[in-house]
Amino acid sequence: MNIKMATDLLQAVPGLKLGIIHYTKITVSESPQMLKGRLQLFQEQLFFELENKPVSEFSGIKEWRAVWKAFGADPNRYRHSTEALMRRIKKQNYVNPFHSAVDLNNFFSLQHEIPAGIYDLEKIVGDVSVTLGTDEDGYDGLNGRFNSLTNILLLKDDYSPFGSPYVDSIRTAVTEETTEALHVFFLRPSMDATEALELTTACGNMFSSISGGDVRSYVLHEGQSSIIVD
């Protein structure tokens, strides 16, 4: 599978980077109590921090709102997934445990203040392109409704779009039957390539320590806009 980032994205946001992790032979199941506890505690700590600090002032949230604007989308109308999570936590509407893959994805997203998505690789058709959504792009999302993706960064396979830093598609959702997955981190543009790979690798290692299997980590950036995942 080839994963390629469109060059026009880098013209709009020169520092744009995506962390890509390929998991094989994983086991997705109910999260261990340790992970459930860490996710709950982290949300409680964020709640108290959010009492004195606006969501939009968190550095990761601020950077991704700027990316939204650079691509021509309205960050107040289409909030990226991490901002949406934080606004839930501000209302004490905490995210409940789901399964190990989703719980880890949410934990990483909140911890690093970046949107992230995890996808069942067996449900992805052909190659993957990272591009900007048009008026024709959209899908039924995990939020329970159809989502238009105009001017929103998206992941698209040979069949249709399936993921974005806004909301992901039902079609490629990870379940407890998933054994091979693609984890995508929409990294902060301000990160350099070395820091980006270190973060991506560390998250992949934590994921495999809970879900088992093998892990390989990559970063898409201006100097490496495509990779082969096999």
C-alpha atoms as a PDB file:
ATOM      1  CA  MET A   1       0.000   0.000   0.000  1.00  0.00           C
ATOM      2  CA  ASN A   2       1.264   3.435  -0.979  1.00  0.00           C
ATOM      3  CA  ILE A   3       0.353   6.387   1.257  1.00  0.00           C
ATOM      4  CA  LYS A   4       0.971   9.743  -0.397  1.00  0.00           C
ATOM      5  CA  MET A   5       0.419  13.333   0.689  1.00  0.00           C
ATOM      6  CA  ALA A   6      -0.669  15.810  -1.993  1.00  0.00           C
ATOM      7  CA  THR A   7       1.951  18.501  -2.666  1.00  0.00           C
ATOM      8  CA  ASP A   8      -0.602  21.329  -2.626  1.00  0.00           C
ATOM      9  CA  LEU A   9      -1.216  20.619   1.069  1.00  0.00           C
ATOM     10  CA  LEU A  10       2.425  21.391   1.777  1.00  0.00           C
ATOM     11  CA  GLN A  11       2.153  24.650  -0.142  1.00  0.00           C
ATOM     12  CA  ALA A  12      -0.703  25.754   2.124  1.00  0.00           C
ATOM     13  CA  VAL A  13       0.885  24.391   5.339  1.00  0.00           C
ATOM     14  CA  PRO A  14       4.632  23.832   4.722  1.00  0.00           C
ATOM     15  CA  GLY A  15       5.230  22.100   8.062  1.00  0.00           C
ATOM     16  CA  LEU A  16       2.346  19.632   7.695  1.00  0.00           C
ATOM     17  CA  LYS A  17       3.255  16.186   9.051  1.00  0.00           C
ATOM     18  CA  LEU A  18       1.389  12.934   9.554  1.00  0.00           C
ATOM     19  CA  GLY A  19       2.582  10.145  11.797  1.00  0.00           C
ATOM     20  CA  ILE A  20       1.695   6.750  10.314  1.00  0.00           C
ATOM     21  CA  ILE A  21       1.782   3.498  12.302  1.00  0.00           C
ATOM     22  CA  HIS A  22       1.167   0.082  10.789  1.00  0.00           C
ATOM     23  CA  TYR A  23       0.070  -2.596  13.272  1.00  0.00           C
ATOM     24  CA  THR A  24      -0.085  -6.293  12.444  1.00  0.00           C
ATOM     25  CA  LYS A  25      -1.226  -9.302  14.499  1.00  0.00           C
ATOM     26  CA  ILE A  26      -2.857  -7.102  17.145  1.00  0.00           C
ATOM     27  CA  THR A  27      -5.631  -8.052  19.574  1.00  0.00           C
ATOM     28  CA  VAL A  28      -8.333  -5.455  20.153  1.00  0.00           C
ATOM     29  CA  SER A  29     -10.356  -6.055  23.305  1.00  0.00           C
ATOM     30  CA  GLU A  30     -11.687  -4.403  26.440  1.00  0.00           C
ATOM     31  CA  SER A  31      -9.034  -2.040  27.777  1.00  0.00           C
ATOM     32  CA  PRO A  32      -7.064  -3.115  30.829  1.00  0.00           C
ATOM     33  CA  GLN A  33      -7.959  -1.313  34.043  1.00  0.00           C
ATOM     34  CA  MET A  34      -4.654   0.569  33.896  1.00  0.00           C
ATOM     35  CA  LEU A  35      -5.614   2.247  30.609  1.00  0.00           C
ATOM     36  CA  LYS A  36      -9.177   2.953  31.735  1.00  0.00           C
ATOM     37  CA  GLY A  37      -7.794   4.574  34.877  1.00  0.00           C
ATOM     38  CA  ARG A  38      -5.250   6.692  33.010  1.00  0.00           C
ATOM     39  CA  LEU A  39      -7.848   7.903  30.514  1.00  0.00           C
ATOM     40  CA  GLN A  40     -10.266   8.839  33.307  1.00  0.00           C
ATOM     41  CA  LEU A  41      -7.593  10.553  35.419  1.00  0.00           C
ATOM     42  CA  PHE A  42      -6.267  12.506  32.433  1.00  0.00           C
ATOM     43  CA  GLN A  43      -9.756  13.775  31.630  1.00  0.00           C
ATOM     44  CA  GLU A  44     -10.322  14.818  35.254  1.00  0.00           C
ATOM     45  CA  GLN A  45      -7.022  16.725  35.268  1.00  0.00           C
ATOM     46  CA  LEU A  46      -7.952  18.413  31.980  1.00  0.00           C
ATOM     47  CA  PHE A  47     -11.329  19.419  33.399  1.00  0.00           C
ATOM     48  CA  PHE A  48      -9.662  21.379  36.202  1.00  0.00           C
ATOM     49  CA  GLU A  49      -7.154  22.917  33.777  1.00  0.00           C
ATOM     50  CA  LEU A  50      -9.999  23.945  31.463  1.00  0.00           C
ATOM     51  CA  GLU A  51     -11.680  25.878  34.271  1.00  0.00           C
ATOM     52  CA  ASN A  52      -8.922  28.486  34.004  1.00  0.00           C
ATOM     53  CA  LYS A  53      -7.769  28.109  30.404  1.00  0.00           C
ATOM     54  CA  PRO A  54      -9.899  28.362  27.225  1.00  0.00           C
ATOM     55  CA  VAL A  55      -9.785  25.339  24.912  1.00  0.00           C
ATOM     56  CA  SER A  56      -8.523  27.528  22.069  1.00  0.00           C
ATOM     57  CA  GLU A  57      -5.451  28.544  24.121  1.00  0.00           C
ATOM     58  CA  PHE A  58      -3.977  25.034  24.251  1.00  0.00           C
ATOM     59  CA  SER A  59      -1.031  25.075  21.847  1.00  0.00           C
ATOM     60  CA  GLY A  60      -2.001  21.947  19.899  1.00  0.00           C
ATOM     61  CA  ILE A  61      -5.607  23.097  19.552  1.00  0.00           C
ATOM     62  CA  LYS A  62      -4.447  26.520  18.407  1.00  0.00           C
ATOM     63  CA  GLU A  63      -2.122  25.053  15.750  1.00  0.00           C
ATOM     64  CA  TRP A  64      -4.816  22.857  14.265  1.00  0.00           C
ATOM     65  CA  ARG A  65      -7.323  25.711  14.193  1.00  0.00           C
ATOM     66  CA  ALA A  66      -4.715  27.588  12.135  1.00  0.00           C
ATOM     67  CA  VAL A  67      -4.381  24.584   9.776  1.00  0.00           C
ATOM     68  CA  TRP A  68      -8.171  24.575   9.321  1.00  0.00           C
ATOM     69  CA  LYS A  69      -8.060  28.244   8.293  1.00  0.00           C
ATOM     70  CA  ALA A  70      -5.096  27.703   5.949  1.00  0.00           C
ATOM     71  CA  PHE A  71      -7.125  25.084   4.062  1.00  0.00           C
ATOM     72  CA  GLY A  72     -10.201  27.321   3.882  1.00  0.00           C
ATOM     73  CA  ALA A  73     -12.425  25.621   6.487  1.00  0.00           C
ATOM     74  CA  ASP A  74     -14.159  27.293   9.436  1.00  0.00           C
ATOM     75  CA  PRO A  75     -12.663  25.961  12.730  1.00  0.00           C
ATOM     76  CA  ASN A  76     -15.708  27.187  14.657  1.00  0.00           C
ATOM     77  CA  ARG A  77     -18.147  25.238  12.490  1.00  0.00           C
ATOM     78  CA  TYR A  78     -16.067  22.089  11.926  1.00  0.00           C
ATOM     79  CA  ARG A  79     -13.997  21.560  15.061  1.00  0.00           C
ATOM     80  CA  HIS A  80     -11.170  19.063  14.785  1.00  0.00           C
ATOM     81  CA  SER A  81     -11.608  15.919  16.858  1.00  0.00           C
ATOM     82  CA  THR A  82      -9.279  16.880  19.725  1.00  0.00           C
ATOM     83  CA  GLU A  83     -10.962  20.235  20.250  1.00  0.00           C
ATOM     84  CA  ALA A  84     -14.335  18.486  20.221  1.00  0.00           C
ATOM     85  CA  LEU A  85     -13.081  16.031  22.869  1.00  0.00           C
ATOM     86  CA  MET A  86     -11.774  18.841  25.049  1.00  0.00           C
ATOM     87  CA  ARG A  87     -15.042  20.760  24.828  1.00  0.00           C
ATOM     88  CA  ARG A  88     -16.837  17.612  26.005  1.00  0.00           C
ATOM     89  CA  ILE A  89     -14.458  17.335  28.952  1.00  0.00           C
ATOM     90  CA  LYS A  90     -14.975  21.010  29.817  1.00  0.00           C
ATOM     91  CA  LYS A  91     -18.649  20.118  30.362  1.00  0.00           C
ATOM     92  CA  GLN A  92     -17.597  17.036  32.398  1.00  0.00           C
ATOM     93  CA  ASN A  93     -19.028  14.873  29.625  1.00  0.00           C
ATOM     94  CA  TYR A  94     -16.121  12.448  29.811  1.00  0.00           C
ATOM     95  CA  VAL A  95     -15.315   9.883  27.139  1.00  0.00           C
ATOM     96  CA  ASN A  96     -16.225   6.397  28.341  1.00  0.00           C
ATOM     97  CA  PRO A  97     -14.028   3.352  27.636  1.00  0.00           C
ATOM     98  CA  PHE A  98     -14.892   1.603  24.358  1.00  0.00           C
ATOM     99  CA  HIS A  99     -12.144  -0.867  23.484  1.00  0.00           C
ATOM    100  CA  SER A 100      -8.350  -0.819  23.624  1.00  0.00           C
ATOM    101  CA  ALA A 101      -7.783   0.709  20.163  1.00  0.00           C
ATOM    102  CA  VAL A 102     -10.271   3.581  20.535  1.00  0.00           C
ATOM    103  CA  ASP A 103      -9.276   4.232  24.150  1.00  0.00           C
ATOM    104  CA  LEU A 104      -5.595   4.500  23.241  1.00  0.00           C
ATOM    105  CA  ASN A 105      -6.412   6.692  20.261  1.00  0.00           C
ATOM    106  CA  ASN A 106      -8.366   9.086  22.501  1.00  0.00           C
ATOM    107  CA  PHE A 107      -5.622   9.058  25.130  1.00  0.00           C
ATOM    108  CA  PHE A 108      -2.895   9.891  22.586  1.00  0.00           C
ATOM    109  CA  SER A 109      -5.044  12.611  21.048  1.00  0.00           C
ATOM    110  CA  LEU A 110      -5.669  14.320  24.383  1.00  0.00           C
ATOM    111  CA  GLN A 111      -2.134  13.806  25.686  1.00  0.00           C
ATOM    112  CA  HIS A 112      -0.461  15.363  22.638  1.00  0.00           C
ATOM    113  CA  GLU A 113      -3.296  17.759  21.676  1.00  0.00           C
ATOM    114  CA  ILE A 114      -3.467  16.413  18.125  1.00  0.00           C
ATOM    115  CA  PRO A 115      -6.224  14.750  16.091  1.00  0.00           C
ATOM    116  CA  ALA A 116      -5.678  11.021  15.556  1.00  0.00           C
ATOM    117  CA  GLY A 117      -7.538   8.190  13.870  1.00  0.00           C
ATOM    118  CA  ILE A 118      -7.191   4.425  13.763  1.00  0.00           C
ATOM    119  CA  TYR A 119      -8.501   2.346  10.856  1.00  0.00           C
ATOM    120  CA  ASP A 120      -9.006  -1.346  10.080  1.00  0.00           C
ATOM    121  CA  LEU A 121      -6.489  -1.925   7.307  1.00  0.00           C
ATOM    122  CA  GLU A 122      -8.439  -4.838   5.821  1.00  0.00           C
ATOM    123  CA  LYS A 123     -11.312  -2.417   5.102  1.00  0.00           C
ATOM    124  CA  ILE A 124      -9.055   0.017   3.215  1.00  0.00           C
ATOM    125  CA  VAL A 125      -9.164  -0.463  -0.565  1.00  0.00           C
ATOM    126  CA  GLY A 126      -5.928  -0.012  -2.530  1.00  0.00           C
ATOM    127  CA  ASP A 127      -3.648   2.977  -1.960  1.00  0.00           C
ATOM    128  CA  VAL A 128      -4.235   5.942   0.344  1.00  0.00           C
ATOM    129  CA  SER A 129      -3.963   9.613  -0.554  1.00  0.00           C
ATOM    130  CA  VAL A 130      -3.857  12.493   1.897  1.00  0.00           C
ATOM    131  CA  THR A 131      -5.652  15.358   0.218  1.00  0.00           C
ATOM    132  CA  LEU A 132      -8.138  18.187   0.678  1.00  0.00           C
ATOM    133  CA  GLY A 133     -11.852  17.475   0.559  1.00  0.00           C
ATOM    134  CA  THR A 134     -14.077  18.873  -2.197  1.00  0.00           C
ATOM    135  CA  ASP A 135     -17.825  19.517  -2.362  1.00  0.00           C
ATOM    136  CA  GLU A 136     -18.230  15.906  -3.513  1.00  0.00           C
ATOM    137  CA  ASP A 137     -16.456  14.344  -0.527  1.00  0.00           C
ATOM    138  CA  GLY A 138     -18.261  13.032   2.539  1.00  0.00           C
ATOM    139  CA  TYR A 139     -19.203   9.903   4.464  1.00  0.00           C
ATOM    140  CA  ASP A 140     -21.298   8.450   7.252  1.00  0.00           C
ATOM    141  CA  GLY A 141     -19.215   9.174  10.323  1.00  0.00           C
ATOM    142  CA  LEU A 142     -18.701   7.748  13.778  1.00  0.00           C
ATOM    143  CA  ASN A 143     -20.698  10.739  15.070  1.00  0.00           C
ATOM    144  CA  GLY A 144     -23.859   9.130  13.673  1.00  0.00           C
ATOM    145  CA  ARG A 145     -24.469  11.427  10.716  1.00  0.00           C
ATOM    146  CA  PHE A 146     -23.323  12.177   7.179  1.00  0.00           C
ATOM    147  CA  ASN A 147     -20.387  14.576   7.164  1.00  0.00           C
ATOM    148  CA  SER A 148     -19.413  16.909   4.330  1.00  0.00           C
ATOM    149  CA  LEU A 149     -15.629  17.286   4.016  1.00  0.00           C
ATOM    150  CA  THR A 150     -15.250  20.410   1.872  1.00  0.00           C
ATOM    151  CA  ASN A 151     -11.838  22.036   2.517  1.00  0.00           C
ATOM    152  CA  ILE A 152     -11.057  19.493   5.257  1.00  0.00           C
ATOM    153  CA  LEU A 153      -7.920  17.376   5.221  1.00  0.00           C
ATOM    154  CA  LEU A 154      -8.858  13.785   4.507  1.00  0.00           C
ATOM    155  CA  LEU A 155      -7.609  10.257   3.925  1.00  0.00           C
ATOM    156  CA  LYS A 156      -8.977   8.660   0.765  1.00  0.00           C
ATOM    157  CA  ASP A 157      -8.500   5.144  -0.598  1.00  0.00           C
ATOM    158  CA  ASP A 158      -9.381   3.805  -4.048  1.00  0.00           C
ATOM    159  CA  TYR A 159     -13.041   3.535  -2.987  1.00  0.00           C
ATOM    160  CA  SER A 160     -13.824   6.734  -1.073  1.00  0.00           C
ATOM    161  CA  PRO A 161     -12.685   9.025   1.765  1.00  0.00           C
ATOM    162  CA  PHE A 162     -12.496   7.214   5.105  1.00  0.00           C
ATOM    163  CA  GLY A 163     -10.766   9.435   7.651  1.00  0.00           C
ATOM    164  CA  SER A 164      -9.949  12.990   8.664  1.00  0.00           C
ATOM    165  CA  PRO A 165      -8.896  15.047  11.692  1.00  0.00           C
ATOM    166  CA  TYR A 166     -12.565  16.087  11.911  1.00  0.00           C
ATOM    167  CA  VAL A 167     -14.426  12.769  12.223  1.00  0.00           C
ATOM    168  CA  ASP A 168     -13.793   9.278  10.842  1.00  0.00           C
ATOM    169  CA  SER A 169     -15.927   7.033   8.648  1.00  0.00           C
ATOM    170  CA  ILE A 170     -17.903   4.064   9.906  1.00  0.00           C
ATOM    171  CA  ARG A 171     -16.593   2.034   6.945  1.00  0.00           C
ATOM    172  CA  THR A 172     -13.047   1.577   8.249  1.00  0.00           C
ATOM    173  CA  ALA A 173     -13.753   1.586  11.998  1.00  0.00           C
ATOM    174  CA  VAL A 174     -11.631  -0.708  14.161  1.00  0.00           C
ATOM    175  CA  THR A 175     -13.548  -3.453  15.993  1.00  0.00           C
ATOM    176  CA  GLU A 176     -12.600  -6.322  18.268  1.00  0.00           C
ATOM    177  CA  GLU A 177     -12.239  -8.403  15.089  1.00  0.00           C
ATOM    178  CA  THR A 178      -9.449  -6.156  13.750  1.00  0.00           C
ATOM    179  CA  THR A 179      -5.967  -7.709  13.552  1.00  0.00           C
ATOM    180  CA  GLU A 180      -4.227  -5.217  11.231  1.00  0.00           C
ATOM    181  CA  ALA A 181      -4.628  -1.459  11.572  1.00  0.00           C
ATOM    182  CA  LEU A 182      -3.383   1.884  10.330  1.00  0.00           C
ATOM    183  CA  HIS A 183      -2.958   4.582  13.001  1.00  0.00           C
ATOM    184  CA  VAL A 184      -2.672   8.163  11.766  1.00  0.00           C
ATOM    185  CA  PHE A 185      -1.523  11.128  13.856  1.00  0.00           C
ATOM    186  CA  PHE A 186      -2.216  14.599  12.476  1.00  0.00           C
ATOM    187  CA  LEU A 187       0.894  16.090  14.032  1.00  0.00           C
ATOM    188  CA  ARG A 188       1.568  19.703  14.935  1.00  0.00           C
ATOM    189  CA  PRO A 189       3.187  21.504  11.982  1.00  0.00           C
ATOM    190  CA  SER A 190       5.642  23.158  14.398  1.00  0.00           C
ATOM    191  CA  MET A 191       7.253  19.783  15.203  1.00  0.00           C
ATOM    192  CA  ASP A 192      10.453  18.924  13.405  1.00  0.00           C
ATOM    193  CA  ALA A 193      10.685  15.569  11.624  1.00  0.00           C
ATOM    194  CA  THR A 194      12.830  13.945  14.336  1.00  0.00           C
ATOM    195  CA  GLU A 195      10.468  14.907  17.159  1.00  0.00           C
ATOM    196  CA  ALA A 196       7.515  13.780  15.032  1.00  0.00           C
ATOM    197  CA  LEU A 197       9.010  10.321  14.506  1.00  0.00           C
ATOM    198  CA  GLU A 198       9.897   9.995  18.190  1.00  0.00           C
ATOM    199  CA  LEU A 199       6.310  10.800  19.230  1.00  0.00           C
ATOM    200  CA  THR A 200       4.827   8.451  16.629  1.00  0.00           C
ATOM    201  CA  THR A 201       7.185   5.614  17.599  1.00  0.00           C
ATOM    202  CA  ALA A 202       6.511   6.045  21.327  1.00  0.00           C
ATOM    203  CA  CYS A 203       2.746   5.890  20.781  1.00  0.00           C
ATOM    204  CA  GLY A 204       3.118   2.811  18.588  1.00  0.00           C
ATOM    205  CA  ASN A 205       5.199   1.055  21.239  1.00  0.00           C
ATOM    206  CA  MET A 206       2.639   1.841  23.945  1.00  0.00           C
ATOM    207  CA  PHE A 207      -0.145   0.551  21.711  1.00  0.00           C
ATOM    208  CA  SER A 208       1.677  -2.731  21.044  1.00  0.00           C
ATOM    209  CA  SER A 209       2.453  -3.154  24.764  1.00  0.00           C
ATOM    210  CA  ILE A 210      -1.309  -3.405  25.318  1.00  0.00           C
ATOM    211  CA  SER A 211      -2.563  -4.909  22.058  1.00  0.00           C
ATOM    212  CA  GLY A 212       0.446  -7.068  21.132  1.00  0.00           C
ATOM    213  CA  GLY A 213       1.497  -7.615  17.547  1.00  0.00           C
ATOM    214  CA  ASP A 214       4.157  -5.889  15.471  1.00  0.00           C
ATOM    215  CA  VAL A 215       4.491  -2.168  14.827  1.00  0.00           C
ATOM    216  CA  ARG A 216       6.228   0.021  12.235  1.00  0.00           C
ATOM    217  CA  SER A 217       6.230   3.810  12.410  1.00  0.00           C
ATOM    218  CA  TYR A 218       6.687   6.466   9.709  1.00  0.00           C
ATOM    219  CA  VAL A 219       6.219  10.214   9.236  1.00  0.00           C
ATOM    220  CA  LEU A 220       4.931  11.914   6.108  1.00  0.00           C
ATOM    221  CA  HIS A 221       6.404  15.390   5.679  1.00  0.00           C
ATOM    222  CA  GLU A 222       7.828  17.750   3.090  1.00  0.00           C
ATOM    223  CA  GLY A 223      11.005  15.705   2.712  1.00  0.00           C
ATOM    224  CA  GLN A 224       9.127  12.376   2.491  1.00  0.00           C
ATOM    225  CA  SER A 225       5.645  12.850   1.083  1.00  0.00           C
ATOM    226  CA  SER A 226       4.976   9.164   0.357  1.00  0.00           C
ATOM    227  CA  ILE A 227       5.670   5.802   1.992  1.00  0.00           C
ATOM    228  CA  ILE A 228       5.072   2.144   1.203  1.00  0.00           C
ATOM    229  CA  VAL A 229       3.329   0.104   3.912  1.00  0.00           C
ATOM    230  CA  ASP A 230       3.529  -3.661   3.415  1.00  0.00           C
END
